[in-house]
PDB file of N, CA and C in Angstrom:
ATOM      1  N   MET A   1      15.806  39.080-178.089  1.00  0.00           N
ATOM      2  CA  MET A   1      17.402  39.892-177.806  1.00  0.00           C
ATOM      3  C   MET A   1      18.268  39.641-176.811  1.00  0.00           C
ATOM      4  N   ALA A   2      17.469  40.035-175.642  1.00  0.00           N
ATOM      5  CA  ALA A   2      18.011  38.960-174.263  1.00  0.00           C
ATOM      6  C   ALA A   2      18.761  38.127-174.506  1.00  0.00           C
ATOM      7  N   SER A   3      17.794  37.021-175.012  1.00  0.00           N
ATOM      8  CA  SER A   3      18.607  35.349-175.111  1.00  0.00           C
ATOM      9  C   SER A   3      19.383  34.993-176.030  1.00  0.00           C
ATOM     10  N   ALA A   4      19.296  35.932-177.094  1.00  0.00           N
ATOM     11  CA  ALA A   4      20.713  35.990-178.146  1.00  0.00           C
ATOM     12  C   ALA A   4      21.488  36.360-177.188  1.00  0.00           C
ATOM     13  N   LEU A   5      21.737  37.311-176.649  1.00  0.00           N
ATOM     14  CA  LEU A   5      22.801  37.975-175.802  1.00  0.00           C
ATOM     15  C   LEU A   5      23.346  36.778-174.870  1.00  0.00           C
ATOM     16  N   LYS A   6      22.465  36.606-174.161  1.00  0.00           N
ATOM     17  CA  LYS A   6      22.618  35.255-173.267  1.00  0.00           C
ATOM     18  C   LYS A   6      23.674  33.595-173.732  1.00  0.00           C
ATOM     19  N   ASN A   7      23.730  33.527-174.418  1.00  0.00           N
ATOM     20  CA  ASN A   7      24.551  32.929-174.846  1.00  0.00           C
ATOM     21  C   ASN A   7      26.157  33.276-175.445  1.00  0.00           C
ATOM     22  N   LEU A   8      26.231  34.609-175.666  1.00  0.00           N
ATOM     23  CA  LEU A   8      27.342  35.359-175.651  1.00  0.00           C
ATOM     24  C   LEU A   8      28.115  35.663-174.202  1.00  0.00           C
ATOM     25  N   ILE A   9      27.723  35.473-173.130  1.00  0.00           N
ATOM     26  CA  ILE A   9      28.045  35.658-171.719  1.00  0.00           C
ATOM     27  C   ILE A   9      28.708  33.564-171.474  1.00  0.00           C
ATOM     28  N   PRO A  10      29.932  33.958-170.892  1.00  0.00           N
ATOM     29  CA  PRO A  10      30.183  32.590-170.722  1.00  0.00           C
ATOM     30  C   PRO A  10      29.952  32.009-169.136  1.00  0.00           C
ATOM     31  N   PRO A  11      29.642  31.100-168.674  1.00  0.00           N
ATOM     32  CA  PRO A  11      29.105  30.633-167.740  1.00  0.00           C
ATOM     33  C   PRO A  11      30.345  31.028-166.824  1.00  0.00           C
ATOM     34  N   LYS A  12      29.976  31.373-165.356  1.00  0.00           N
ATOM     35  CA  LYS A  12      31.150  31.374-164.625  1.00  0.00           C
ATOM     36  C   LYS A  12      31.402  30.171-163.741  1.00  0.00           C
ATOM     37  N   ILE A  13      32.975  30.074-164.335  1.00  0.00           N
ATOM     38  CA  ILE A  13      33.524  28.618-164.295  1.00  0.00           C
ATOM     39  C   ILE A  13      34.083  28.708-162.469  1.00  0.00           C
ATOM     40  N   ALA A  14      34.311  29.545-161.983  1.00  0.00           N
ATOM     41  CA  ALA A  14      34.872  29.248-161.002  1.00  0.00           C
ATOM     42  C   ALA A  14      34.492  30.269-159.858  1.00  0.00           C
ATOM     43  N   SER A  15      32.822  29.769-159.477  1.00  0.00           N
ATOM     44  CA  SER A  15      31.990  30.176-158.810  1.00  0.00           C
ATOM     45  C   SER A  15      32.405  29.562-157.505  1.00  0.00           C
ATOM     46  N   ALA A  16      32.142  30.410-156.748  1.00  0.00           N
ATOM     47  CA  ALA A  16      32.070  29.841-155.466  1.00  0.00           C
ATOM     48  C   ALA A  16      31.415  28.618-155.216  1.00  0.00           C
ATOM     49  N   GLN A  17      30.035  28.344-155.349  1.00  0.00           N
ATOM     50  CA  GLN A  17      29.234  27.287-155.273  1.00  0.00           C
ATOM     51  C   GLN A  17      30.334  25.841-155.965  1.00  0.00           C
ATOM     52  N   ALA A  18      30.663  26.638-157.228  1.00  0.00           N
ATOM     53  CA  ALA A  18      31.309  25.608-158.444  1.00  0.00           C
ATOM     54  C   ALA A  18      32.206  24.467-157.394  1.00  0.00           C
ATOM     55  N   LEU A  19      33.572  25.623-156.805  1.00  0.00           N
ATOM     56  CA  LEU A  19      34.386  25.394-156.226  1.00  0.00           C
ATOM     57  C   LEU A  19      34.091  24.316-154.964  1.00  0.00           C
ATOM     58  N   SER A  20      33.159  24.545-154.434  1.00  0.00           N
ATOM     59  CA  SER A  20      32.619  23.953-152.748  1.00  0.00           C
ATOM     60  C   SER A  20      32.469  22.983-153.342  1.00  0.00           C
ATOM     61  N   SER A  21      32.290  21.967-154.060  1.00  0.00           N
ATOM     62  CA  SER A  21      31.544  20.295-154.529  1.00  0.00           C
ATOM     63  C   SER A  21      33.034  19.969-154.586  1.00  0.00           C
ATOM     64  N   SER A  22      33.014  18.768-154.398  1.00  0.00           N
ATOM     65  CA  SER A  22      34.360  17.868-153.541  1.00  0.00           C
ATOM     66  C   SER A  22      35.283  17.695-155.396  1.00  0.00           C
ATOM     67  N   SER A  23      34.091  17.155-156.308  1.00  0.00           N
ATOM     68  CA  SER A  23      34.683  16.726-157.535  1.00  0.00           C
ATOM     69  C   SER A  23      35.147  17.730-158.276  1.00  0.00           C
ATOM     70  N   THR A  24      35.074  19.023-158.135  1.00  0.00           N
ATOM     71  CA  THR A  24      34.843  20.503-159.085  1.00  0.00           C
ATOM     72  C   THR A  24      36.291  20.659-158.522  1.00  0.00           C
ATOM     73  N   ALA A  25      35.881  20.476-156.867  1.00  0.00           N
ATOM     74  CA  ALA A  25      37.659  21.083-156.600  1.00  0.00           C
ATOM     75  C   ALA A  25      39.008  20.558-156.939  1.00  0.00           C
ATOM     76  N   ALA A  26      38.447  18.690-156.762  1.00  0.00           N
ATOM     77  CA  ALA A  26      39.508  18.169-156.731  1.00  0.00           C
ATOM     78  C   ALA A  26      40.019  18.091-158.511  1.00  0.00           C
ATOM     79  N   ARG A  27      38.688  18.644-159.221  1.00  0.00           N
ATOM     80  CA  ARG A  27      39.117  18.680-160.946  1.00  0.00           C
ATOM     81  C   ARG A  27      40.182  20.228-161.123  1.00  0.00           C
ATOM     82  N   MET A  28      39.503  20.773-160.465  1.00  0.00           N
ATOM     83  CA  MET A  28      40.307  22.201-160.661  1.00  0.00           C
ATOM     84  C   MET A  28      41.814  22.481-159.748  1.00  0.00           C
ATOM     85  N   GLN A  29      42.266  21.344-158.857  1.00  0.00           N
ATOM     86  CA  GLN A  29      43.529  21.396-158.158  1.00  0.00           C
ATOM     87  C   GLN A  29      44.346  21.213-158.995  1.00  0.00           C
ATOM     88  N   ARG A  30      43.916  19.778-160.146  1.00  0.00           N
ATOM     89  CA  ARG A  30      44.751  18.985-160.861  1.00  0.00           C
ATOM     90  C   ARG A  30      45.114  20.019-162.176  1.00  0.00           C
ATOM     91  N   VAL A  31      44.124  20.824-162.290  1.00  0.00           N
ATOM     92  CA  VAL A  31      44.161  21.458-163.181  1.00  0.00           C
ATOM     93  C   VAL A  31      45.413  22.887-162.954  1.00  0.00           C
ATOM     94  N   VAL A  32      44.959  23.302-161.233  1.00  0.00           N
ATOM     95  CA  VAL A  32      46.016  24.492-160.928  1.00  0.00           C
ATOM     96  C   VAL A  32      47.724  23.876-160.766  1.00  0.00           C
ATOM     97  N   GLU A  33      47.631  22.120-160.342  1.00  0.00           N
ATOM     98  CA  GLU A  33      48.663  21.877-160.296  1.00  0.00           C
ATOM     99  C   GLU A  33      49.707  21.697-161.556  1.00  0.00           C
ATOM    100  N   PHE A  34      48.794  21.258-162.658  1.00  0.00           N
ATOM    101  CA  PHE A  34      49.365  21.269-164.036  1.00  0.00           C
ATOM    102  C   PHE A  34      50.336  22.339-164.744  1.00  0.00           C
ATOM    103  N   TYR A  35      49.294  23.317-164.171  1.00  0.00           N
ATOM    104  CA  TYR A  35      49.535  24.684-164.928  1.00  0.00           C
ATOM    105  C   TYR A  35      50.897  25.468-164.276  1.00  0.00           C
ATOM    106  N   SER A  36      50.776  25.580-162.829  1.00  0.00           N
ATOM    107  CA  SER A  36      52.075  25.273-161.834  1.00  0.00           C
ATOM    108  C   SER A  36      53.217  24.879-162.359  1.00  0.00           C
ATOM    109  N   LYS A  37      53.470  23.407-163.270  1.00  0.00           N
ATOM    110  CA  LYS A  37      54.265  22.848-163.551  1.00  0.00           C
ATOM    111  C   LYS A  37      55.107  23.523-164.476  1.00  0.00           C
ATOM    112  N   LEU A  38      53.841  24.280-165.308  1.00  0.00           N
ATOM    113  CA  LEU A  38      54.971  24.641-166.884  1.00  0.00           C
ATOM    114  C   LEU A  38      55.797  25.761-166.646  1.00  0.00           C
ATOM    115  N   PRO A  39      56.930  25.665-167.734  1.00  0.00           N
ATOM    116  CA  PRO A  39      57.804  26.694-167.602  1.00  0.00           C
ATOM    117  C   PRO A  39      57.475  28.180-167.666  1.00  0.00           C
ATOM    118  N   LYS A  40      58.247  29.048-166.756  1.00  0.00           N
ATOM    119  CA  LYS A  40      57.790  29.897-166.707  1.00  0.00           C
ATOM    120  C   LYS A  40      59.172  31.149-167.687  1.00  0.00           C
ATOM    121  N   GLY A  41      58.299  32.343-168.060  1.00  0.00           N
ATOM    122  CA  GLY A  41      59.315  32.877-168.737  1.00  0.00           C
ATOM    123  C   GLY A  41      59.029  32.408-170.078  1.00  0.00           C
ATOM    124  N   PRO A  42      60.117  33.317-171.261  1.00  0.00           N
ATOM    125  CA  PRO A  42      60.194  33.268-172.460  1.00  0.00           C
ATOM    126  C   PRO A  42      60.937  31.426-172.988  1.00  0.00           C
ATOM    127  N   ALA A  43      60.751  30.886-174.062  1.00  0.00           N
ATOM    128  CA  ALA A  43      61.431  29.926-174.438  1.00  0.00           C
ATOM    129  C   ALA A  43      62.663  29.706-175.089  1.00  0.00           C
ATOM    130  N   PRO A  44      63.688  28.819-174.644  1.00  0.00           N
ATOM    131  CA  PRO A  44      64.879  29.321-174.469  1.00  0.00           C
ATOM    132  C   PRO A  44      65.538  29.034-176.100  1.00  0.00           C
ATOM    133  N   LYS A  45      66.186  29.785-176.837  1.00  0.00           N
ATOM    134  CA  LYS A  45      66.755  29.710-178.326  1.00  0.00           C
ATOM    135  C   LYS A  45      66.949  27.946-178.309  1.00  0.00           C
ATOM    136  N   ALA A  46      66.486  27.764-179.598  1.00  0.00           N
ATOM    137  CA  ALA A  46      66.589  26.404-180.566  1.00  0.00           C
ATOM    138  C   ALA A  46      68.238  26.803-181.149  1.00  0.00           C
ATOM    139  N   SER A  47      68.664  25.359-180.496  1.00  0.00           N
ATOM    140  CA  SER A  47      70.294  25.179-181.294  1.00  0.00           C
ATOM    141  C   SER A  47      70.032  25.017-182.903  1.00  0.00           C
ATOM    142  N   PRO A  48      70.815  25.607-183.972  1.00  0.00           N
ATOM    143  CA  PRO A  48      70.934  24.958-185.154  1.00  0.00           C
ATOM    144  C   PRO A  48      70.904  24.070-185.213  1.00  0.00           C
ATOM    145  N   GLY A  49      71.312  22.622-184.761  1.00  0.00           N
ATOM    146  CA  GLY A  49      72.303  21.742-185.078  1.00  0.00           C
ATOM    147  C   GLY A  49      73.621  21.242-185.176  1.00  0.00           C
ATOM    148  N   LEU A  50      73.487  20.473-185.930  1.00  0.00           N
ATOM    149  CA  LEU A  50      74.911  19.575-186.170  1.00  0.00           C
ATOM    150  C   LEU A  50      75.118  19.918-188.202  1.00  0.00           C
ATOM    151  N   ASN A  51      74.363  19.827-188.399  1.00  0.00           N
ATOM    152  CA  ASN A  51      73.785  20.375-190.169  1.00  0.00           C
ATOM    153  C   ASN A  51      74.812  21.876-190.494  1.00  0.00           C
ATOM    154  N   PRO A  52      76.203  21.533-191.048  1.00  0.00           N
ATOM    155  CA  PRO A  52      76.564  22.662-191.123  1.00  0.00           C
ATOM    156  C   PRO A  52      76.242  23.923-192.172  1.00  0.00           C
ATOM    157  N   PHE A  53      75.040  23.961-192.904  1.00  0.00           N
ATOM    158  CA  PHE A  53      74.440  24.488-193.413  1.00  0.00           C
ATOM    159  C   PHE A  53      73.708  25.268-192.719  1.00  0.00           C
ATOM    160  N   ALA A  54      73.026  24.746-191.666  1.00  0.00           N
ATOM    161  CA  ALA A  54      71.952  25.463-190.984  1.00  0.00           C
ATOM    162  C   ALA A  54      72.563  26.606-189.532  1.00  0.00           C
ATOM    163  N   ARG A  55      74.241  25.743-189.262  1.00  0.00           N
ATOM    164  CA  ARG A  55      74.856  26.304-188.345  1.00  0.00           C
ATOM    165  C   ARG A  55      75.699  27.974-189.669  1.00  0.00           C
ATOM    166  N   TYR A  56      75.277  27.700-191.002  1.00  0.00           N
ATOM    167  CA  TYR A  56      76.099  29.158-191.399  1.00  0.00           C
ATOM    168  C   TYR A  56      74.990  29.775-191.358  1.00  0.00           C
ATOM    169  N   LYS A  57      73.986  29.532-192.052  1.00  0.00           N
ATOM    170  CA  LYS A  57      72.674  30.210-191.860  1.00  0.00           C
ATOM    171  C   LYS A  57      72.246  30.729-190.509  1.00  0.00           C
ATOM    172  N   ALA A  58      72.623  30.280-189.199  1.00  0.00           N
ATOM    173  CA  ALA A  58      72.170  30.704-188.010  1.00  0.00           C
ATOM    174  C   ALA A  58      73.320  31.889-188.038  1.00  0.00           C
ATOM    175  N   ARG A  59      74.375  31.937-188.681  1.00  0.00           N
ATOM    176  CA  ARG A  59      75.701  32.483-188.029  1.00  0.00           C
ATOM    177  C   ARG A  59      75.663  34.093-188.762  1.00  0.00           C
ATOM    178  N   TYR A  60      75.232  33.412-190.136  1.00  0.00           N
ATOM    179  CA  TYR A  60      75.176  34.932-191.072  1.00  0.00           C
ATOM    180  C   TYR A  60      74.278  35.471-191.624  1.00  0.00           C
ATOM    181  N   ILE A  61      73.304  34.516-191.658  1.00  0.00           N
ATOM    182  CA  ILE A  61      71.898  35.145-192.445  1.00  0.00           C
ATOM    183  C   ILE A  61      70.963  35.655-191.451  1.00  0.00           C
ATOM    184  N   ASP A  62      70.378  34.755-190.391  1.00  0.00           N
ATOM    185  CA  ASP A  62      69.078  35.304-189.345  1.00  0.00           C
ATOM    186  C   ASP A  62      69.582  36.212-188.314  1.00  0.00           C
ATOM    187  N   GLY A  63      68.655  36.750-188.028  1.00  0.00           N
ATOM    188  CA  GLY A  63      68.699  37.582-187.114  1.00  0.00           C
ATOM    189  C   GLY A  63      69.451  38.757-187.309  1.00  0.00           C
ATOM    190  N   GLU A  64      69.985  38.638-186.016  1.00  0.00           N
ATOM    191  CA  GLU A  64      70.570  40.128-185.636  1.00  0.00           C
ATOM    192  C   GLU A  64      71.845  39.883-186.617  1.00  0.00           C
ATOM    193  N   ASN A  65      72.886  38.694-186.712  1.00  0.00           N
ATOM    194  CA  ASN A  65      73.846  38.883-187.327  1.00  0.00           C
ATOM    195  C   ASN A  65      73.693  38.488-189.185  1.00  0.00           C
ATOM    196  N   ALA A  66      73.214  38.931-189.584  1.00  0.00           N
ATOM    197  CA  ALA A  66      72.217  39.653-190.547  1.00  0.00           C
ATOM    198  C   ALA A  66      73.752  40.202-191.500  1.00  0.00           C
ATOM    199  N   SER A  67      74.403  39.522-192.354  1.00  0.00           N
ATOM    200  CA  SER A  67      75.508  40.511-193.024  1.00  0.00           C
ATOM    201  C   SER A  67      75.615  40.035-194.622  1.00  0.00           C
ATOM    202  N   GLY A  68      76.810  41.279-195.589  1.00  0.00           N
ATOM    203  CA  GLY A  68      76.803  40.595-196.661  1.00  0.00           C
ATOM    204  C   GLY A  68      78.190  39.796-196.585  1.00  0.00           C
ATOM    205  N   ALA A  69      78.296  39.409-195.829  1.00  0.00           N
ATOM    206  CA  ALA A  69      79.603  37.711-196.293  1.00  0.00           C
ATOM    207  C   ALA A  69      79.152  37.131-196.946  1.00  0.00           C
ATOM    208  N   PRO A  70      77.908  36.100-196.904  1.00  0.00           N
ATOM    209  CA  PRO A  70      77.781  35.494-197.439  1.00  0.00           C
ATOM    210  C   PRO A  70      78.039  35.616-199.464  1.00  0.00           C
ATOM    211  N   LEU A  71      77.811  36.616-199.666  1.00  0.00           N
ATOM    212  CA  LEU A  71      77.804  37.235-201.007  1.00  0.00           C
ATOM    213  C   LEU A  71      79.506  37.629-201.117  1.00  0.00           C
ATOM    214  N   PHE A  72      80.024  37.499-199.604  1.00  0.00           N
ATOM    215  CA  PHE A  72      81.644  37.806-200.289  1.00  0.00           C
ATOM    216  C   PHE A  72      82.331  36.149-200.540  1.00  0.00           C
ATOM    217  N   HIS A  73      81.356  35.242-199.585  1.00  0.00           N
ATOM    218  CA  HIS A  73      81.744  33.519-199.507  1.00  0.00           C
ATOM    219  C   HIS A  73      81.689  33.524-200.922  1.00  0.00           C
ATOM    220  N   ALA A  74      80.485  33.405-201.788  1.00  0.00           N
ATOM    221  CA  ALA A  74      79.759  33.326-203.034  1.00  0.00           C
ATOM    222  C   ALA A  74      80.944  33.591-203.887  1.00  0.00           C
ATOM    223  N   MET A  75      81.639  34.969-203.953  1.00  0.00           N
ATOM    224  CA  MET A  75      82.241  35.324-204.811  1.00  0.00           C
ATOM    225  C   MET A  75      83.334  34.668-204.681  1.00  0.00           C
ATOM    226  N   LEU A  76      83.809  34.267-203.579  1.00  0.00           N
ATOM    227  CA  LEU A  76      85.586  33.860-203.375  1.00  0.00           C
ATOM    228  C   LEU A  76      85.443  32.395-203.320  1.00  0.00           C
ATOM    229  N   GLY A  77      84.371  31.889-203.598  1.00  0.00           N
ATOM    230  CA  GLY A  77      84.393  30.588-203.666  1.00  0.00           C
ATOM    231  C   GLY A  77      84.214  30.219-205.177  1.00  0.00           C
ATOM    232  N   LEU A  78      83.477  31.142-206.156  1.00  0.00           N
ATOM    233  CA  LEU A  78      83.383  31.238-207.628  1.00  0.00           C
ATOM    234  C   LEU A  78      84.857  31.294-207.734  1.00  0.00           C
ATOM    235  N   PHE A  79      85.296  32.643-207.493  1.00  0.00           N
ATOM    236  CA  PHE A  79      86.652  32.794-207.842  1.00  0.00           C
ATOM    237  C   PHE A  79      87.912  31.341-208.007  1.00  0.00           C
ATOM    238  N   LEU A  80      87.603  31.271-206.456  1.00  0.00           N
ATOM    239  CA  LEU A  80      88.634  29.613-206.501  1.00  0.00           C
ATOM    240  C   LEU A  80      88.426  28.651-207.418  1.00  0.00           C
ATOM    241  N   ILE A  81      87.116  28.275-207.911  1.00  0.00           N
ATOM    242  CA  ILE A  81      86.871  27.348-208.834  1.00  0.00           C
ATOM    243  C   ILE A  81      87.345  27.975-209.939  1.00  0.00           C
ATOM    244  N   GLY A  82      87.237  28.871-210.571  1.00  0.00           N
ATOM    245  CA  GLY A  82      87.824  29.399-211.915  1.00  0.00           C
ATOM    246  C   GLY A  82      89.371  29.125-211.897  1.00  0.00           C
ATOM    247  N   GLN A  83      89.649  29.866-211.138  1.00  0.00           N
ATOM    248  CA  GLN A  83      90.965  29.899-210.486  1.00  0.00           C
ATOM    249  C   GLN A  83      91.633  27.753-210.674  1.00  0.00           C
ATOM    250  N   GLU A  84      90.659  27.053-210.110  1.00  0.00           N
ATOM    251  CA  GLU A  84      91.125  25.807-210.516  1.00  0.00           C
ATOM    252  C   GLU A  84      90.924  25.250-211.711  1.00  0.00           C
ATOM    253  N   GLU A  85      89.667  25.593-212.608  1.00  0.00           N
ATOM    254  CA  GLU A  85      89.929  25.117-213.901  1.00  0.00           C
ATOM    255  C   GLU A  85      90.821  25.920-214.624  1.00  0.00           C
ATOM    256  N   ARG A  86      91.328  27.168-214.517  1.00  0.00           N
ATOM    257  CA  ARG A  86      92.733  27.920-215.558  1.00  0.00           C
ATOM    258  C   ARG A  86      93.877  27.008-215.554  1.00  0.00           C
ATOM    259  N   VAL A  87      94.109  26.302-213.985  1.00  0.00           N
ATOM    260  CA  VAL A  87      95.345  25.620-213.344  1.00  0.00           C
ATOM    261  C   VAL A  87      95.167  24.054-214.393  1.00  0.00           C
ATOM    262  N   ARG A  88      94.130  23.455-214.290  1.00  0.00           N
ATOM    263  CA  ARG A  88      94.355  22.430-214.937  1.00  0.00           C
ATOM    264  C   ARG A  88      94.196  22.556-216.761  1.00  0.00           C
ATOM    265  N   GLU A  89      93.876  23.716-217.072  1.00  0.00           N
ATOM    266  CA  GLU A  89      94.552  23.900-218.888  1.00  0.00           C
ATOM    267  C   GLU A  89      95.719  23.717-218.906  1.00  0.00           C
TER     268      GLU A  89
END
């Protein structure tokens, strides 16, 4: 039973003996430098880009800005297309 649980316990990675050896200390120093250079805090919001459909979706459909405006825009567009068809006749 003890040998089965022994595999579940992780080894001590940053023990005093392991940190005192020069090769391990240099490796740990590189790891610390890498993680200290990473940005802190939340990631900035991504820009919707130059695509007009993506900008429309970000403005009216996604997130906190969700509203009924796209439904109104669709009805208005269909109305204008219908009026254009009447004028052609």
